[in-house]
C-alpha atoms as a PDB file:
ATOM      1  CA  MET A   1     -50.431 155.225 208.108  1.00  0.00           C
ATOM      2  CA  THR A   2     -51.736 158.435 207.191  1.00  0.00           C
ATOM      3  CA  GLN A   3     -49.249 160.959 205.490  1.00  0.00           C
ATOM      4  CA  GLU A   4     -48.733 163.497 208.430  1.00  0.00           C
ATOM      5  CA  GLU A   5     -47.869 159.892 210.514  1.00  0.00           C
ATOM      6  CA  ARG A   6     -45.387 159.306 207.232  1.00  0.00           C
ATOM      7  CA  ARG A   7     -43.876 162.548 206.955  1.00  0.00           C
ATOM      8  CA  CYS A   8     -43.101 163.090 210.275  1.00  0.00           C
ATOM      9  CA  CYS A   9     -41.609 159.475 211.039  1.00  0.00           C
ATOM     10  CA  LEU A  10     -39.777 160.453 207.664  1.00  0.00           C
ATOM     11  CA  ILE A  11     -38.548 164.003 209.349  1.00  0.00           C
ATOM     12  CA  GLN A  12     -37.628 162.023 212.855  1.00  0.00           C
ATOM     13  CA  TYR A  13     -35.322 159.684 211.288  1.00  0.00           C
ATOM     14  CA  LEU A  14     -33.444 162.491 209.213  1.00  0.00           C
ATOM     15  CA  LEU A  15     -33.411 164.460 211.955  1.00  0.00           C
ATOM     16  CA  LYS A  16     -31.708 161.536 214.318  1.00  0.00           C
ATOM     17  CA  GLU A  17     -29.486 160.720 211.258  1.00  0.00           C
ATOM     18  CA  GLU A  18     -27.244 163.816 211.657  1.00  0.00           C
ATOM     19  CA  ILE A  19     -26.308 165.235 214.832  1.00  0.00           C
ATOM     20  CA  ARG A  20     -26.353 168.736 213.763  1.00  0.00           C
ATOM     21  CA  PHE A  21     -30.027 168.697 213.604  1.00  0.00           C
ATOM     22  CA  ARG A  22     -31.013 166.630 216.392  1.00  0.00           C
ATOM     23  CA  LYS A  23     -32.699 169.821 218.013  1.00  0.00           C
ATOM     24  CA  GLN A  24     -34.252 170.489 215.317  1.00  0.00           C
ATOM     25  CA  LYS A  25     -38.004 170.697 216.211  1.00  0.00           C
ATOM     26  CA  ILE A  26     -40.884 169.364 213.414  1.00  0.00           C
ATOM     27  CA  PRO A  27     -42.999 172.218 212.651  1.00  0.00           C
ATOM     28  CA  LYS A  28     -47.104 171.673 213.186  1.00  0.00           C
ATOM     29  CA  ASP A  29     -48.223 172.733 209.949  1.00  0.00           C
ATOM     30  CA  LYS A  30     -48.129 170.847 206.609  1.00  0.00           C
ATOM     31  CA  GLN A  31     -46.585 173.030 204.500  1.00  0.00           C
ATOM     32  CA  GLY A  32     -43.278 173.618 207.059  1.00  0.00           C
ATOM     33  CA  GLN A  33     -43.343 170.001 207.759  1.00  0.00           C
ATOM     34  CA  GLU A  34     -43.184 169.665 203.750  1.00  0.00           C
ATOM     35  CA  ASN A  35     -40.251 171.689 203.608  1.00  0.00           C
ATOM     36  CA  LEU A  36     -38.567 170.215 206.097  1.00  0.00           C
ATOM     37  CA  LEU A  37     -38.449 167.298 204.641  1.00  0.00           C
ATOM     38  CA  ARG A  38     -37.387 168.366 201.512  1.00  0.00           C
ATOM     39  CA  SER A  39     -34.695 170.321 202.879  1.00  0.00           C
ATOM     40  CA  LEU A  40     -33.561 167.090 204.958  1.00  0.00           C
ATOM     41  CA  MET A  41     -33.681 165.094 201.644  1.00  0.00           C
ATOM     42  CA  ASN A  42     -31.844 167.718 199.433  1.00  0.00           C
ATOM     43  CA  THR A  43     -28.895 167.870 202.032  1.00  0.00           C
ATOM     44  CA  ARG A  44     -28.465 163.957 202.597  1.00  0.00           C
ATOM     45  CA  LEU A  45     -25.560 162.511 201.595  1.00  0.00           C
ATOM     46  CA  PRO A  46     -25.236 159.359 199.179  1.00  0.00           C
ATOM     47  CA  LYS A  47     -25.449 156.565 202.075  1.00  0.00           C
ATOM     48  CA  PRO A  48     -27.407 153.385 202.514  1.00  0.00           C
ATOM     49  CA  ILE A  49     -30.269 154.050 204.422  1.00  0.00           C
ATOM     50  CA  PRO A  50     -32.718 151.011 205.617  1.00  0.00           C
ATOM     51  CA  ALA A  51     -35.353 149.365 203.783  1.00  0.00           C
ATOM     52  CA  ASP A  52     -38.576 150.476 206.158  1.00  0.00           C
ATOM     53  CA  PHE A  53     -37.194 153.925 205.684  1.00  0.00           C
ATOM     54  CA  LEU A  54     -37.466 153.341 202.332  1.00  0.00           C
ATOM     55  CA  ARG A  55     -40.913 152.047 201.900  1.00  0.00           C
ATOM     56  CA  ILE A  56     -42.091 154.779 204.313  1.00  0.00           C
ATOM     57  CA  GLN A  57     -40.881 157.007 201.653  1.00  0.00           C
ATOM     58  CA  ASP A  58     -41.703 155.323 198.548  1.00  0.00           C
ATOM     59  CA  GLU A  59     -45.733 155.628 200.307  1.00  0.00           C
ATOM     60  CA  TYR A  60     -45.248 158.657 201.272  1.00  0.00           C
ATOM     61  CA  LEU A  61     -44.273 160.373 197.970  1.00  0.00           C
ATOM     62  CA  ILE A  62     -46.323 158.265 195.474  1.00  0.00           C
ATOM     63  CA  GLU A  63     -49.470 159.599 197.694  1.00  0.00           C
ATOM     64  CA  ARG A  64     -47.512 162.880 197.442  1.00  0.00           C
ATOM     65  CA  ASN A  65     -47.428 162.798 193.874  1.00  0.00           C
ATOM     66  CA  ARG A  66     -50.900 162.156 193.279  1.00  0.00           C
ATOM     67  CA  GLU A  67     -51.666 165.084 195.170  1.00  0.00           C
ATOM     68  CA  ARG A  68     -49.564 167.417 193.546  1.00  0.00           C
ATOM     69  CA  GLY A  69     -51.448 166.097 190.163  1.00  0.00           C
ATOM     70  CA  ILE A  70     -49.833 163.731 187.797  1.00  0.00           C
ATOM     71  CA  THR A  71     -50.351 164.693 183.688  1.00  0.00           C
ATOM     72  CA  ASP A  72     -50.259 161.557 181.215  1.00  0.00           C
ATOM     73  CA  ILE A  73     -48.944 162.133 178.123  1.00  0.00           C
ATOM     74  CA  ALA A  74     -51.895 159.815 176.789  1.00  0.00           C
ATOM     75  CA  ASP A  75     -53.972 163.085 177.443  1.00  0.00           C
ATOM     76  CA  LEU A  76     -51.421 165.360 175.816  1.00  0.00           C
ATOM     77  CA  THR A  77     -52.266 166.985 172.035  1.00  0.00           C
ATOM     78  CA  PRO A  78     -49.620 167.201 169.477  1.00  0.00           C
ATOM     79  CA  VAL A  79     -48.528 170.151 167.314  1.00  0.00           C
ATOM     80  CA  ALA A  80     -49.820 170.157 164.320  1.00  0.00           C
ATOM     81  CA  SER A  81     -47.235 170.288 162.564  1.00  0.00           C
ATOM     82  CA  ASP A  82     -45.604 166.432 163.940  1.00  0.00           C
ATOM     83  CA  PRO A  83     -47.721 163.934 165.107  1.00  0.00           C
ATOM     84  CA  ARG A  84     -44.372 162.816 167.395  1.00  0.00           C
ATOM     85  CA  LEU A  85     -43.917 166.398 169.238  1.00  0.00           C
ATOM     86  CA  TYR A  86     -45.601 168.257 171.868  1.00  0.00           C
ATOM     87  CA  ILE A  87     -45.179 171.453 173.778  1.00  0.00           C
ATOM     88  CA  TRP A  88     -46.111 171.045 177.380  1.00  0.00           C
ATOM     89  CA  GLN A  89     -45.973 173.016 180.014  1.00  0.00           C
ATOM     90  CA  GLY A  90     -45.988 172.679 183.352  1.00  0.00           C
ATOM     91  CA  ASP A  91     -43.514 170.658 186.336  1.00  0.00           C
ATOM     92  CA  ILE A  92     -41.843 167.879 184.597  1.00  0.00           C
ATOM     93  CA  THR A  93     -42.105 165.965 187.831  1.00  0.00           C
ATOM     94  CA  THR A  94     -45.775 165.733 187.530  1.00  0.00           C
ATOM     95  CA  LEU A  95     -45.733 164.203 183.583  1.00  0.00           C
ATOM     96  CA  LYS A  96     -46.354 160.479 183.180  1.00  0.00           C
ATOM     97  CA  CYS A  97     -44.395 159.135 180.143  1.00  0.00           C
ATOM     98  CA  ASP A  98     -41.160 157.016 179.748  1.00  0.00           C
ATOM     99  CA  ALA A  99     -38.163 159.250 180.152  1.00  0.00           C
ATOM    100  CA  ILE A 100     -37.824 162.805 181.169  1.00  0.00           C
ATOM    101  CA  VAL A 101     -34.496 164.491 181.094  1.00  0.00           C
ATOM    102  CA  ASN A 102     -32.751 166.414 184.067  1.00  0.00           C
ATOM    103  CA  ALA A 103     -30.351 169.159 184.124  1.00  0.00           C
ATOM    104  CA  CYS A 104     -27.500 168.255 185.760  1.00  0.00           C
ATOM    105  CA  ASN A 105     -24.159 169.460 186.965  1.00  0.00           C
ATOM    106  CA  SER A 106     -20.594 167.236 186.230  1.00  0.00           C
ATOM    107  CA  GLN A 107     -20.952 165.870 189.405  1.00  0.00           C
ATOM    108  CA  MET A 108     -24.541 164.303 188.570  1.00  0.00           C
ATOM    109  CA  LEU A 109     -25.749 164.081 192.490  1.00  0.00           C
ATOM    110  CA  GLY A 110     -28.216 166.102 192.631  1.00  0.00           C
ATOM    111  CA  CYS A 111     -28.810 169.873 193.897  1.00  0.00           C
ATOM    112  CA  PHE A 112     -27.784 169.987 197.601  1.00  0.00           C
ATOM    113  CA  SER A 113     -29.528 173.476 198.028  1.00  0.00           C
ATOM    114  CA  PRO A 114     -32.358 173.009 200.715  1.00  0.00           C
ATOM    115  CA  MET A 115     -35.407 174.281 198.863  1.00  0.00           C
ATOM    116  CA  HIS A 116     -33.886 175.216 195.475  1.00  0.00           C
ATOM    117  CA  ALA A 117     -35.809 176.047 192.269  1.00  0.00           C
ATOM    118  CA  CYS A 118     -33.823 173.801 190.105  1.00  0.00           C
ATOM    119  CA  ILE A 119     -35.349 170.630 188.086  1.00  0.00           C
ATOM    120  CA  ASP A 120     -32.290 169.205 189.916  1.00  0.00           C
ATOM    121  CA  ASN A 121     -33.610 169.310 192.822  1.00  0.00           C
ATOM    122  CA  PHE A 122     -37.659 168.680 192.368  1.00  0.00           C
ATOM    123  CA  ILE A 123     -36.075 165.416 190.434  1.00  0.00           C
ATOM    124  CA  HIS A 124     -34.197 164.340 193.492  1.00  0.00           C
ATOM    125  CA  THR A 125     -37.043 165.463 195.943  1.00  0.00           C
ATOM    126  CA  TYR A 126     -39.965 163.556 194.233  1.00  0.00           C
ATOM    127  CA  ALA A 127     -37.945 160.770 193.044  1.00  0.00           C
ATOM    128  CA  GLY A 128     -36.509 159.917 196.812  1.00  0.00           C
ATOM    129  CA  ILE A 129     -33.226 159.203 198.097  1.00  0.00           C
ATOM    130  CA  GLU A 130     -32.344 156.358 196.270  1.00  0.00           C
ATOM    131  CA  LEU A 131     -31.593 158.215 193.039  1.00  0.00           C
ATOM    132  CA  ARG A 132     -28.487 160.118 194.495  1.00  0.00           C
ATOM    133  CA  LEU A 133     -27.678 156.878 196.043  1.00  0.00           C
ATOM    134  CA  LYS A 134     -27.998 155.533 192.331  1.00  0.00           C
ATOM    135  CA  MET A 135     -26.209 158.433 190.595  1.00  0.00           C
ATOM    136  CA  TYR A 136     -23.335 158.074 193.232  1.00  0.00           C
ATOM    137  CA  GLU A 137     -22.865 154.268 192.668  1.00  0.00           C
ATOM    138  CA  ILE A 138     -22.781 155.336 188.831  1.00  0.00           C
ATOM    139  CA  MET A 139     -20.218 158.038 188.856  1.00  0.00           C
ATOM    140  CA  LYS A 140     -17.894 156.134 191.248  1.00  0.00           C
ATOM    141  CA  LYS A 141     -17.583 153.066 188.684  1.00  0.00           C
ATOM    142  CA  GLN A 142     -17.204 155.939 186.062  1.00  0.00           C
ATOM    143  CA  GLY A 143     -14.410 157.399 188.423  1.00  0.00           C
ATOM    144  CA  HIS A 144     -14.818 160.977 186.551  1.00  0.00           C
ATOM    145  CA  GLU A 145     -17.445 163.431 186.684  1.00  0.00           C
ATOM    146  CA  GLU A 146     -20.061 163.430 183.672  1.00  0.00           C
ATOM    147  CA  GLU A 147     -18.431 164.969 180.693  1.00  0.00           C
ATOM    148  CA  THR A 148     -20.788 167.893 178.885  1.00  0.00           C
ATOM    149  CA  GLY A 149     -22.753 166.505 176.407  1.00  0.00           C
ATOM    150  CA  LYS A 150     -23.103 162.776 177.439  1.00  0.00           C
ATOM    151  CA  ALA A 151     -25.969 161.222 179.769  1.00  0.00           C
ATOM    152  CA  LYS A 152     -26.963 158.665 181.872  1.00  0.00           C
ATOM    153  CA  ILE A 153     -30.048 157.206 183.040  1.00  0.00           C
ATOM    154  CA  THR A 154     -32.090 155.386 186.133  1.00  0.00           C
ATOM    155  CA  SER A 155     -34.739 154.194 186.728  1.00  0.00           C
ATOM    156  CA  GLY A 156     -37.547 156.841 187.747  1.00  0.00           C
ATOM    157  CA  TYR A 157     -38.295 155.868 191.230  1.00  0.00           C
ATOM    158  CA  ASN A 158     -41.519 157.456 192.672  1.00  0.00           C
ATOM    159  CA  LEU A 159     -41.741 159.702 189.848  1.00  0.00           C
ATOM    160  CA  PRO A 160     -44.384 159.030 187.312  1.00  0.00           C
ATOM    161  CA  ALA A 161     -41.961 158.662 184.593  1.00  0.00           C
ATOM    162  CA  LYS A 162     -40.903 155.131 184.034  1.00  0.00           C
ATOM    163  CA  TYR A 163     -36.637 156.340 183.598  1.00  0.00           C
ATOM    164  CA  ILE A 164     -34.565 159.634 184.312  1.00  0.00           C
ATOM    165  CA  LEU A 165     -32.279 160.755 181.904  1.00  0.00           C
ATOM    166  CA  HIS A 166     -29.218 162.825 183.182  1.00  0.00           C
ATOM    167  CA  THR A 167     -27.452 165.197 180.996  1.00  0.00           C
ATOM    168  CA  VAL A 168     -24.612 167.979 181.542  1.00  0.00           C
ATOM    169  CA  GLY A 169     -25.549 171.351 179.223  1.00  0.00           C
ATOM    170  CA  PRO A 170     -23.379 173.529 177.828  1.00  0.00           C
ATOM    171  CA  ILE A 171     -22.477 176.523 180.306  1.00  0.00           C
ATOM    172  CA  ILE A 172     -22.596 179.689 178.839  1.00  0.00           C
ATOM    173  CA  GLN A 173     -19.754 182.334 179.901  1.00  0.00           C
ATOM    174  CA  TRP A 174     -19.340 185.074 176.950  1.00  0.00           C
ATOM    175  CA  GLU A 175     -20.888 184.472 173.711  1.00  0.00           C
ATOM    176  CA  VAL A 176     -22.236 180.953 172.506  1.00  0.00           C
ATOM    177  CA  THR A 177     -19.577 179.087 170.192  1.00  0.00           C
ATOM    178  CA  GLY A 178     -19.821 176.668 167.778  1.00  0.00           C
ATOM    179  CA  LYS A 179     -18.614 174.199 169.775  1.00  0.00           C
ATOM    180  CA  GLU A 180     -20.852 174.902 172.516  1.00  0.00           C
ATOM    181  CA  GLU A 181     -23.866 174.481 169.935  1.00  0.00           C
ATOM    182  CA  GLU A 182     -22.773 171.464 169.354  1.00  0.00           C
ATOM    183  CA  LEU A 183     -22.153 170.216 172.788  1.00  0.00           C
ATOM    184  CA  LEU A 184     -26.150 170.753 173.455  1.00  0.00           C
ATOM    185  CA  ALA A 185     -26.969 169.348 170.693  1.00  0.00           C
ATOM    186  CA  SER A 186     -25.169 166.189 171.940  1.00  0.00           C
ATOM    187  CA  CYS A 187     -27.530 166.207 175.311  1.00  0.00           C
ATOM    188  CA  TYR A 188     -30.706 165.877 172.885  1.00  0.00           C
ATOM    189  CA  ARG A 189     -29.108 163.071 170.712  1.00  0.00           C
ATOM    190  CA  GLU A 190     -27.353 161.171 173.599  1.00  0.00           C
ATOM    191  CA  CYS A 191     -30.531 161.117 175.840  1.00  0.00           C
ATOM    192  CA  LEU A 192     -33.033 159.946 172.631  1.00  0.00           C
ATOM    193  CA  LYS A 193     -30.346 156.936 171.897  1.00  0.00           C
ATOM    194  CA  LEU A 194     -30.167 156.061 175.711  1.00  0.00           C
ATOM    195  CA  ALA A 195     -33.859 156.098 175.913  1.00  0.00           C
ATOM    196  CA  ALA A 196     -34.480 154.471 172.416  1.00  0.00           C
ATOM    197  CA  ASP A 197     -31.525 151.572 173.923  1.00  0.00           C
ATOM    198  CA  THR A 198     -33.426 151.203 177.138  1.00  0.00           C
ATOM    199  CA  GLY A 199     -37.380 150.859 175.402  1.00  0.00           C
ATOM    200  CA  ALA A 200     -38.685 154.230 176.267  1.00  0.00           C
ATOM    201  CA  GLU A 201     -40.910 155.377 173.406  1.00  0.00           C
ATOM    202  CA  SER A 202     -41.810 158.722 174.861  1.00  0.00           C
ATOM    203  CA  VAL A 203     -39.032 161.122 175.963  1.00  0.00           C
ATOM    204  CA  ALA A 204     -39.745 164.892 177.996  1.00  0.00           C
ATOM    205  CA  PHE A 205     -37.036 167.680 177.616  1.00  0.00           C
ATOM    206  CA  CYS A 206     -36.801 170.592 180.158  1.00  0.00           C
ATOM    207  CA  CYS A 207     -35.212 173.201 178.309  1.00  0.00           C
ATOM    208  CA  LEU A 208     -31.335 172.235 178.676  1.00  0.00           C
ATOM    209  CA  SER A 209     -28.830 174.940 179.398  1.00  0.00           C
ATOM    210  CA  THR A 210     -31.003 177.704 179.664  1.00  0.00           C
ATOM    211  CA  GLY A 211     -31.149 178.707 183.080  1.00  0.00           C
ATOM    212  CA  VAL A 212     -28.544 179.587 185.297  1.00  0.00           C
ATOM    213  CA  PHE A 213     -25.916 177.761 182.661  1.00  0.00           C
ATOM    214  CA  HIS A 214     -27.149 181.113 180.246  1.00  0.00           C
ATOM    215  CA  PHE A 215     -27.763 179.848 177.074  1.00  0.00           C
ATOM    216  CA  PRO A 216     -29.639 181.806 174.946  1.00  0.00           C
ATOM    217  CA  GLN A 217     -33.658 180.869 174.915  1.00  0.00           C
ATOM    218  CA  GLN A 218     -34.338 181.328 171.249  1.00  0.00           C
ATOM    219  CA  ARG A 219     -30.848 179.367 170.453  1.00  0.00           C
ATOM    220  CA  ALA A 220     -31.368 176.584 172.579  1.00  0.00           C
ATOM    221  CA  ALA A 221     -34.630 175.646 171.370  1.00  0.00           C
ATOM    222  CA  GLU A 222     -34.065 176.187 167.760  1.00  0.00           C
ATOM    223  CA  ILE A 223     -30.763 173.305 168.343  1.00  0.00           C
ATOM    224  CA  ALA A 224     -33.282 171.405 170.499  1.00  0.00           C
ATOM    225  CA  SER A 225     -36.106 171.053 167.748  1.00  0.00           C
ATOM    226  CA  GLU A 226     -33.535 170.685 165.062  1.00  0.00           C
ATOM    227  CA  THR A 227     -31.576 167.886 166.822  1.00  0.00           C
ATOM    228  CA  VAL A 228     -34.756 165.982 168.242  1.00  0.00           C
ATOM    229  CA  LYS A 229     -36.161 166.174 164.841  1.00  0.00           C
ATOM    230  CA  ASN A 230     -33.617 164.800 162.924  1.00  0.00           C
ATOM    231  CA  TYR A 231     -33.236 162.239 165.301  1.00  0.00           C
ATOM    232  CA  ILE A 232     -36.471 160.552 165.182  1.00  0.00           C
ATOM    233  CA  ASN A 233     -36.187 160.530 161.246  1.00  0.00           C
ATOM    234  CA  GLU A 234     -33.491 158.311 161.382  1.00  0.00           C
ATOM    235  CA  ASP A 235     -34.435 156.613 164.919  1.00  0.00           C
ATOM    236  CA  SER A 236     -38.420 155.342 164.817  1.00  0.00           C
ATOM    237  CA  ARG A 237     -38.150 153.913 167.835  1.00  0.00           C
ATOM    238  CA  ILE A 238     -38.671 156.767 169.613  1.00  0.00           C
ATOM    239  CA  LYS A 239     -42.218 157.528 168.866  1.00  0.00           C
ATOM    240  CA  LYS A 240     -43.046 161.071 170.755  1.00  0.00           C
ATOM    241  CA  VAL A 241     -41.054 163.942 172.409  1.00  0.00           C
ATOM    242  CA  ILE A 242     -42.173 166.522 174.286  1.00  0.00           C
ATOM    243  CA  PHE A 243     -40.696 170.039 174.655  1.00  0.00           C
ATOM    244  CA  ASN A 244     -41.465 170.801 178.620  1.00  0.00           C
ATOM    245  CA  VAL A 245     -41.440 174.490 178.940  1.00  0.00           C
ATOM    246  CA  PHE A 246     -41.869 176.247 182.288  1.00  0.00           C
ATOM    247  CA  LYS A 247     -41.455 179.924 181.557  1.00  0.00           C
ATOM    248  CA  ASP A 248     -43.745 182.012 179.465  1.00  0.00           C
ATOM    249  CA  ASP A 249     -41.357 182.964 177.302  1.00  0.00           C
ATOM    250  CA  ASP A 250     -39.814 179.369 176.148  1.00  0.00           C
ATOM    251  CA  LEU A 251     -43.813 178.191 175.492  1.00  0.00           C
ATOM    252  CA  ARG A 252     -43.858 181.397 172.840  1.00  0.00           C
ATOM    253  CA  ILE A 253     -40.352 180.509 171.382  1.00  0.00           C
ATOM    254  CA  TYR A 254     -41.550 176.383 170.928  1.00  0.00           C
ATOM    255  CA  HIS A 255     -44.825 177.448 169.628  1.00  0.00           C
ATOM    256  CA  ALA A 256     -43.477 179.707 166.860  1.00  0.00           C
ATOM    257  CA  LEU A 257     -40.533 177.041 166.129  1.00  0.00           C
ATOM    258  CA  ILE A 258     -42.690 173.622 165.943  1.00  0.00           C
ATOM    259  CA  GLY A 259     -46.491 174.523 167.038  1.00  0.00           C
END
């Protein structure tokens, strides 16, 4: 099958699966089809799906991720101050390393808003729909929402990374308190320990809690860099840590702190 054939096949199945979508027409252009497929995947509830769908989805996403471009950690240069630390600006879903970190909400099921620009949406989109089902199983077994500062780990599914670490950062309402600073630090420690216990040696962190959770970027980066350095000085199982930034402001902040 070609990529277009795979894409249309996946769209057709997902449209037929939901009565409310059955009158939706498939766009003729590639971008329109990609947007529709992503939207359908974003809004799909966590439930089983036939093996044939998953086979076609996996073939499609593996090729789609190649098309988007993959950056291998082996090709990156560490910062001058510490050969274990890296700063990289880009889309974390295109990074090939042992584990990437996802910034989640307490339900841990991914973003259900079609085409939303958050990292949670991108990770679930390009990993595939099995990720939401796996997180649903994990959370159902746990029996309660995820606590702030804790973490879970899953396969990376169709992403270049082997694993995905899922953590819930603190939400800032007013002033940042010491408790919220400690909870953010806990996110980094818990992810690193879970990664090390699973056998991962390289971990890429996004800027946790600094988006819609409103943690100030400068203070968040200070906590992140300090916590990571303290942890890897104590636990040598983690060989490389990438601070993944998307905004230019965060890039400048991290370069000033550790670059």
